[in-house]
Amino acid sequence: MAAPAQNDKDKELYAGECQAIANSDNLSDIERKIANYLQGMWYASN
């Protein structure tokens, strides 16, 4: 995954990367839940 974001552009890239991971067909159900959880934590902390 990307390093912590330093600016708004980085935050957008990181969020997009999380979304791409969450939407991947290669994930198991638990992996998708974890990705969604991490994305939620990311938005909550920024």
PDB file of N, CA and C in Angstrom:
ATOM      1  N   MET A   1       0.834  -1.200   0.000  1.00  0.00           N
ATOM      2  CA  MET A   1       0.000   0.000   0.000  1.00  0.00           C
ATOM      3  C   MET A   1       0.867   1.248   0.000  1.00  0.00           C
ATOM      4  N   ALA A   2       0.247   2.342  -0.325  1.00  0.00           N
ATOM      5  CA  ALA A   2       0.956   3.614  -0.390  1.00  0.00           C
ATOM      6  C   ALA A   2       1.394   4.078   0.997  1.00  0.00           C
ATOM      7  N   ALA A   3       2.400   4.899   1.017  1.00  0.00           N
ATOM      8  CA  ALA A   3       2.850   5.503   2.268  1.00  0.00           C
ATOM      9  C   ALA A   3       1.808   6.521   2.736  1.00  0.00           C
ATOM     10  N   PRO A   4       1.866   6.931   3.998  1.00  0.00           N
ATOM     11  CA  PRO A   4       0.915   7.944   4.474  1.00  0.00           C
ATOM     12  C   PRO A   4       0.933   9.189   3.594  1.00  0.00           C
ATOM     13  N   ALA A   5      -0.220   9.728   3.348  1.00  0.00           N
ATOM     14  CA  ALA A   5      -0.355  10.870   2.441  1.00  0.00           C
ATOM     15  C   ALA A   5       0.198  12.145   3.057  1.00  0.00           C
ATOM     16  N   GLN A   6       0.840  12.944   2.228  1.00  0.00           N
ATOM     17  CA  GLN A   6       1.392  14.217   2.681  1.00  0.00           C
ATOM     18  C   GLN A   6       0.528  15.401   2.234  1.00  0.00           C
ATOM     19  N   ASN A   7      -0.287  15.194   1.234  1.00  0.00           N
ATOM     20  CA  ASN A   7      -1.112  16.281   0.725  1.00  0.00           C
ATOM     21  C   ASN A   7      -2.401  15.708   0.141  1.00  0.00           C
ATOM     22  N   ASP A   8      -3.281  16.586  -0.330  1.00  0.00           N
ATOM     23  CA  ASP A   8      -4.590  16.139  -0.820  1.00  0.00           C
ATOM     24  C   ASP A   8      -4.479  15.209  -2.019  1.00  0.00           C
ATOM     25  N   LYS A   9      -3.518  15.476  -2.901  1.00  0.00           N
ATOM     26  CA  LYS A   9      -3.360  14.597  -4.058  1.00  0.00           C
ATOM     27  C   LYS A   9      -2.973  13.187  -3.615  1.00  0.00           C
ATOM     28  N   ASP A  10      -2.056  13.099  -2.656  1.00  0.00           N
ATOM     29  CA  ASP A  10      -1.669  11.792  -2.117  1.00  0.00           C
ATOM     30  C   ASP A  10      -2.862  11.100  -1.473  1.00  0.00           C
ATOM     31  N   LYS A  11      -3.685  11.861  -0.748  1.00  0.00           N
ATOM     32  CA  LYS A  11      -4.863  11.286  -0.101  1.00  0.00           C
ATOM     33  C   LYS A  11      -5.815  10.710  -1.136  1.00  0.00           C
ATOM     34  N   GLU A  12      -5.991  11.433  -2.237  1.00  0.00           N
ATOM     35  CA  GLU A  12      -6.863  10.932  -3.309  1.00  0.00           C
ATOM     36  C   GLU A  12      -6.307   9.641  -3.906  1.00  0.00           C
ATOM     37  N   LEU A  13      -5.005   9.605  -4.142  1.00  0.00           N
ATOM     38  CA  LEU A  13      -4.380   8.406  -4.703  1.00  0.00           C
ATOM     39  C   LEU A  13      -4.522   7.227  -3.750  1.00  0.00           C
ATOM     40  N   TYR A  14      -4.314   7.487  -2.466  1.00  0.00           N
ATOM     41  CA  TYR A  14      -4.418   6.424  -1.466  1.00  0.00           C
ATOM     42  C   TYR A  14      -5.854   5.905  -1.393  1.00  0.00           C
ATOM     43  N   ALA A  15      -6.816   6.816  -1.372  1.00  0.00           N
ATOM     44  CA  ALA A  15      -8.221   6.416  -1.331  1.00  0.00           C
ATOM     45  C   ALA A  15      -8.587   5.613  -2.570  1.00  0.00           C
ATOM     46  N   GLY A  16      -8.093   6.017  -3.719  1.00  0.00           N
ATOM     47  CA  GLY A  16      -8.351   5.290  -4.961  1.00  0.00           C
ATOM     48  C   GLY A  16      -7.741   3.905  -4.935  1.00  0.00           C
ATOM     49  N   GLU A  17      -6.555   3.811  -4.358  1.00  0.00           N
ATOM     50  CA  GLU A  17      -5.888   2.517  -4.240  1.00  0.00           C
ATOM     51  C   GLU A  17      -6.682   1.594  -3.314  1.00  0.00           C
ATOM     52  N   CYS A  18      -7.145   2.124  -2.191  1.00  0.00           N
ATOM     53  CA  CYS A  18      -7.968   1.339  -1.260  1.00  0.00           C
ATOM     54  C   CYS A  18      -9.245   0.877  -1.939  1.00  0.00           C
ATOM     55  N   GLN A  19      -9.857   1.770  -2.719  1.00  0.00           N
ATOM     56  CA  GLN A  19     -11.102   1.424  -3.400  1.00  0.00           C
ATOM     57  C   GLN A  19     -10.858   0.321  -4.426  1.00  0.00           C
ATOM     58  N   ALA A  20      -9.750   0.420  -5.148  1.00  0.00           N
ATOM     59  CA  ALA A  20      -9.424  -0.602  -6.144  1.00  0.00           C
ATOM     60  C   ALA A  20      -9.213  -1.961  -5.474  1.00  0.00           C
ATOM     61  N   ILE A  21      -8.547  -1.945  -4.328  1.00  0.00           N
ATOM     62  CA  ILE A  21      -8.332  -3.194  -3.587  1.00  0.00           C
ATOM     63  C   ILE A  21      -9.669  -3.748  -3.107  1.00  0.00           C
ATOM     64  N   ALA A  22     -10.509  -2.882  -2.559  1.00  0.00           N
ATOM     65  CA  ALA A  22     -11.801  -3.316  -2.031  1.00  0.00           C
ATOM     66  C   ALA A  22     -12.700  -3.880  -3.129  1.00  0.00           C
ATOM     67  N   ASN A  23     -12.533  -3.382  -4.360  1.00  0.00           N
ATOM     68  CA  ASN A  23     -13.387  -3.820  -5.471  1.00  0.00           C
ATOM     69  C   ASN A  23     -12.809  -4.991  -6.258  1.00  0.00           C
ATOM     70  N   SER A  24     -11.627  -5.450  -5.869  1.00  0.00           N
ATOM     71  CA  SER A  24     -10.968  -6.514  -6.611  1.00  0.00           C
ATOM     72  C   SER A  24     -11.724  -7.833  -6.521  1.00  0.00           C
ATOM     73  N   ASP A  25     -11.859  -8.501  -7.650  1.00  0.00           N
ATOM     74  CA  ASP A  25     -12.518  -9.812  -7.689  1.00  0.00           C
ATOM     75  C   ASP A  25     -11.642 -10.914  -7.086  1.00  0.00           C
ATOM     76  N   ASN A  26     -10.368 -10.616  -6.866  1.00  0.00           N
ATOM     77  CA  ASN A  26      -9.449 -11.627  -6.364  1.00  0.00           C
ATOM     78  C   ASN A  26      -9.489 -11.780  -4.845  1.00  0.00           C
ATOM     79  N   LEU A  27     -10.246 -10.912  -4.177  1.00  0.00           N
ATOM     80  CA  LEU A  27     -10.277 -10.958  -2.724  1.00  0.00           C
ATOM     81  C   LEU A  27     -11.302 -11.942  -2.200  1.00  0.00           C
ATOM     82  N   SER A  28     -10.962 -12.558  -1.087  1.00  0.00           N
ATOM     83  CA  SER A  28     -11.951 -13.346  -0.361  1.00  0.00           C
ATOM     84  C   SER A  28     -12.866 -12.372   0.378  1.00  0.00           C
ATOM     85  N   ASP A  29     -13.949 -12.860   0.921  1.00  0.00           N
ATOM     86  CA  ASP A  29     -14.891 -12.001   1.644  1.00  0.00           C
ATOM     87  C   ASP A  29     -14.224 -11.302   2.828  1.00  0.00           C
ATOM     88  N   ILE A  30     -13.409 -12.021   3.580  1.00  0.00           N
ATOM     89  CA  ILE A  30     -12.765 -11.413   4.753  1.00  0.00           C
ATOM     90  C   ILE A  30     -11.750 -10.365   4.332  1.00  0.00           C
ATOM     91  N   GLU A  31     -11.032 -10.624   3.246  1.00  0.00           N
ATOM     92  CA  GLU A  31     -10.076  -9.617   2.755  1.00  0.00           C
ATOM     93  C   GLU A  31     -10.796  -8.348   2.325  1.00  0.00           C
ATOM     94  N   ARG A  32     -11.955  -8.500   1.697  1.00  0.00           N
ATOM     95  CA  ARG A  32     -12.737  -7.340   1.270  1.00  0.00           C
ATOM     96  C   ARG A  32     -13.218  -6.546   2.495  1.00  0.00           C
ATOM     97  N   LYS A  33     -13.646  -7.261   3.527  1.00  0.00           N
ATOM     98  CA  LYS A  33     -14.084  -6.591   4.756  1.00  0.00           C
ATOM     99  C   LYS A  33     -12.943  -5.814   5.397  1.00  0.00           C
ATOM    100  N   ILE A  34     -11.759  -6.420   5.401  1.00  0.00           N
ATOM    101  CA  ILE A  34     -10.582  -5.745   5.965  1.00  0.00           C
ATOM    102  C   ILE A  34     -10.245  -4.502   5.147  1.00  0.00           C
ATOM    103  N   ALA A  35     -10.250  -4.625   3.835  1.00  0.00           N
ATOM    104  CA  ALA A  35      -9.946  -3.473   2.973  1.00  0.00           C
ATOM    105  C   ALA A  35     -10.948  -2.344   3.205  1.00  0.00           C
ATOM    106  N   ASN A  36     -12.225  -2.693   3.326  1.00  0.00           N
ATOM    107  CA  ASN A  36     -13.252  -1.677   3.584  1.00  0.00           C
ATOM    108  C   ASN A  36     -13.061  -1.040   4.955  1.00  0.00           C
ATOM    109  N   TYR A  37     -12.689  -1.841   5.932  1.00  0.00           N
ATOM    110  CA  TYR A  37     -12.429  -1.334   7.281  1.00  0.00           C
ATOM    111  C   TYR A  37     -11.254  -0.354   7.266  1.00  0.00           C
ATOM    112  N   LEU A  38     -10.168  -0.749   6.596  1.00  0.00           N
ATOM    113  CA  LEU A  38      -8.992   0.119   6.528  1.00  0.00           C
ATOM    114  C   LEU A  38      -9.318   1.419   5.810  1.00  0.00           C
ATOM    115  N   GLN A  39     -10.127   1.335   4.757  1.00  0.00           N
ATOM    116  CA  GLN A  39     -10.511   2.553   4.043  1.00  0.00           C
ATOM    117  C   GLN A  39     -11.326   3.461   4.959  1.00  0.00           C
ATOM    118  N   GLY A  40     -12.222   2.877   5.733  1.00  0.00           N
ATOM    119  CA  GLY A  40     -13.009   3.659   6.688  1.00  0.00           C
ATOM    120  C   GLY A  40     -12.132   4.318   7.739  1.00  0.00           C
ATOM    121  N   MET A  41     -11.137   3.589   8.226  1.00  0.00           N
ATOM    122  CA  MET A  41     -10.212   4.145   9.204  1.00  0.00           C
ATOM    123  C   MET A  41      -9.419   5.293   8.586  1.00  0.00           C
ATOM    124  N   TRP A  42      -9.032   5.126   7.319  1.00  0.00           N
ATOM    125  CA  TRP A  42      -8.272   6.172   6.624  1.00  0.00           C
ATOM    126  C   TRP A  42      -9.084   7.461   6.542  1.00  0.00           C
ATOM    127  N   TYR A  43     -10.352   7.354   6.125  1.00  0.00           N
ATOM    128  CA  TYR A  43     -11.195   8.544   6.019  1.00  0.00           C
ATOM    129  C   TYR A  43     -11.447   9.160   7.392  1.00  0.00           C
ATOM    130  N   ALA A  44     -11.617   8.332   8.412  1.00  0.00           N
ATOM    131  CA  ALA A  44     -11.881   8.836   9.758  1.00  0.00           C
ATOM    132  C   ALA A  44     -10.684   9.606  10.318  1.00  0.00           C
ATOM    133  N   SER A  45      -9.479   9.214   9.913  1.00  0.00           N
ATOM    134  CA  SER A  45      -8.275   9.837  10.463  1.00  0.00           C
ATOM    135  C   SER A  45      -7.827  11.062   9.676  1.00  0.00           C
ATOM    136  N   ASN A  46      -8.506  11.355   8.573  1.00  0.00           N
ATOM    137  CA  ASN A  46      -8.075  12.501   7.763  1.00  0.00           C
ATOM    138  C   ASN A  46      -9.149  13.541   7.685  1.00  0.00           C
TER     139      ASN A  46
END
